Amino acid sequence: LEPAMAEKMTGASGNSFSFGWGNLERVQAAIELALGEGEWLLGKQFSAADLLLASTLQIAFVAKLLEQSGRIGEYVEQAMAREAHTRALNVELKEIAALRH
């Protein structure tokens, strides 16, 4: 996902046949296919893979590389709504505040 995002951000034209990631549209299609099987990448079980993918997709949304809609948008919203995400975000915000003082 990240190499395809970088290509789109920089306007670089990759070789979708020799690069393992293809392009952002192919990566998006692969993610949608992977999410079609269940609530999370591993079905009903949330995993570290979901944590990494959801946070990277969040960056793609903020950078306006992908629209936060459809199954991918729902997936990220669902991941960010988890209680563990809220706890982690609060820890991060405390750390940022401590750095500012």
Protein backbone atom coordinates (compact mmCIF):
# COMPACT_ATOMS: atom_id res chain seq x y z
CA LEU A 1 0.00 0.00 0.00
CA GLU A 2 2.67 2.54 0.99
CA PRO A 3 4.73 2.31 -2.24
CA ALA A 4 1.56 2.75 -4.30
CA MET A 5 0.57 5.75 -2.16
CA ALA A 6 4.01 7.30 -2.66
CA GLU A 7 3.74 6.88 -6.42
CA LYS A 8 0.37 8.58 -6.48
CA MET A 9 1.55 11.43 -4.23
CA THR A 10 4.63 12.12 -6.34
CA GLY A 11 3.04 11.47 -9.72
CA ALA A 12 5.64 8.80 -10.46
CA SER A 13 4.63 6.22 -13.00
CA GLY A 14 5.46 2.76 -11.77
CA ASN A 15 5.62 -0.43 -13.74
CA SER A 16 2.57 -2.33 -12.55
CA PHE A 17 3.86 -5.56 -14.06
CA SER A 18 7.29 -5.62 -12.44
CA PHE A 19 6.40 -3.92 -9.15
CA GLY A 20 4.77 -6.25 -6.65
CA TRP A 21 2.15 -3.70 -5.66
CA GLY A 22 0.91 -2.71 -9.12
CA ASN A 23 -0.68 0.71 -8.59
CA LEU A 24 -2.98 2.25 -6.00
CA GLU A 25 -6.13 1.13 -7.80
CA ARG A 26 -4.94 -2.50 -7.86
CA VAL A 27 -3.94 -2.29 -4.20
CA GLN A 28 -7.37 -0.90 -3.34
CA ALA A 29 -9.07 -3.75 -5.23
CA ALA A 30 -6.91 -6.31 -3.40
CA ILE A 31 -7.82 -4.77 -0.02
CA GLU A 32 -11.52 -4.80 -0.88
CA LEU A 33 -11.23 -8.46 -1.91
CA ALA A 34 -9.42 -9.33 1.34
CA LEU A 35 -12.09 -7.55 3.39
CA GLY A 36 -14.91 -9.29 1.56
CA GLU A 37 -14.47 -12.43 3.62
CA GLY A 38 -15.24 -11.03 7.05
CA GLU A 39 -15.19 -8.23 9.54
CA TRP A 40 -11.37 -8.11 9.67
CA LEU A 41 -8.53 -9.38 7.50
CA LEU A 42 -8.58 -12.67 9.42
CA GLY A 43 -12.36 -12.90 9.53
CA LYS A 44 -13.76 -12.36 13.02
CA GLN A 45 -10.36 -11.90 14.71
CA PHE A 46 -8.81 -8.41 14.84
CA SER A 47 -5.05 -8.65 14.34
CA ALA A 48 -1.88 -6.56 14.10
CA ALA A 49 -2.39 -6.67 10.32
CA ASP A 50 -5.67 -4.77 10.77
CA LEU A 51 -3.94 -2.25 12.99
CA LEU A 52 -1.27 -1.57 10.37
CA LEU A 53 -3.65 -1.54 7.41
CA ALA A 54 -6.29 0.67 9.04
CA SER A 55 -3.72 3.22 10.18
CA THR A 56 -2.10 3.33 6.73
CA LEU A 57 -5.49 3.72 5.07
CA GLN A 58 -6.25 6.57 7.47
CA ILE A 59 -3.13 8.34 6.16
CA ALA A 60 -4.32 7.72 2.59
CA PHE A 61 -7.67 9.33 3.45
CA VAL A 62 -6.06 12.39 5.06
CA ALA A 63 -3.71 12.77 2.08
CA LYS A 64 -6.76 12.51 -0.22
CA LEU A 65 -5.24 9.52 -2.04
CA LEU A 66 -8.35 7.43 -1.37
CA GLU A 67 -11.93 8.37 -0.60
CA GLN A 68 -13.18 7.27 2.80
CA SER A 69 -16.17 5.40 1.47
CA GLY A 70 -17.42 1.92 0.70
CA ARG A 71 -16.10 -1.18 2.40
CA ILE A 72 -12.64 0.31 3.00
CA GLY A 73 -14.13 3.40 4.65
CA GLU A 74 -16.33 1.22 6.87
CA TYR A 75 -13.35 -0.95 7.79
CA VAL A 76 -11.26 2.03 8.91
CA GLU A 77 -14.17 3.55 10.86
CA GLN A 78 -14.73 0.20 12.57
CA ALA A 79 -11.03 -0.09 13.48
CA MET A 80 -10.86 3.48 14.79
CA ALA A 81 -14.02 2.94 16.87
CA ARG A 82 -12.41 0.13 18.87
CA GLU A 83 -11.88 0.92 22.56
CA ALA A 84 -8.21 -0.05 22.25
CA HIS A 85 -7.74 2.58 19.53
CA THR A 86 -9.24 5.24 21.78
CA ARG A 87 -6.92 4.24 24.64
CA ALA A 88 -3.87 4.29 22.34
CA LEU A 89 -4.86 7.67 20.93
CA ASN A 90 -5.16 9.10 24.44
CA VAL A 91 -1.65 7.86 25.28
CA GLU A 92 -0.33 9.45 22.09
CA LEU A 93 -2.04 12.76 22.84
CA LYS A 94 -0.52 12.78 26.36
CA GLU A 95 2.93 12.18 24.88
CA ILE A 96 2.48 15.03 22.39
CA ALA A 97 1.32 17.36 25.18
CA ALA A 98 4.35 16.42 27.30
CA LEU A 99 6.68 17.27 24.41
CA ARG A 100 5.15 20.72 24.11
CA HIS A 101 5.89 21.63 27.72
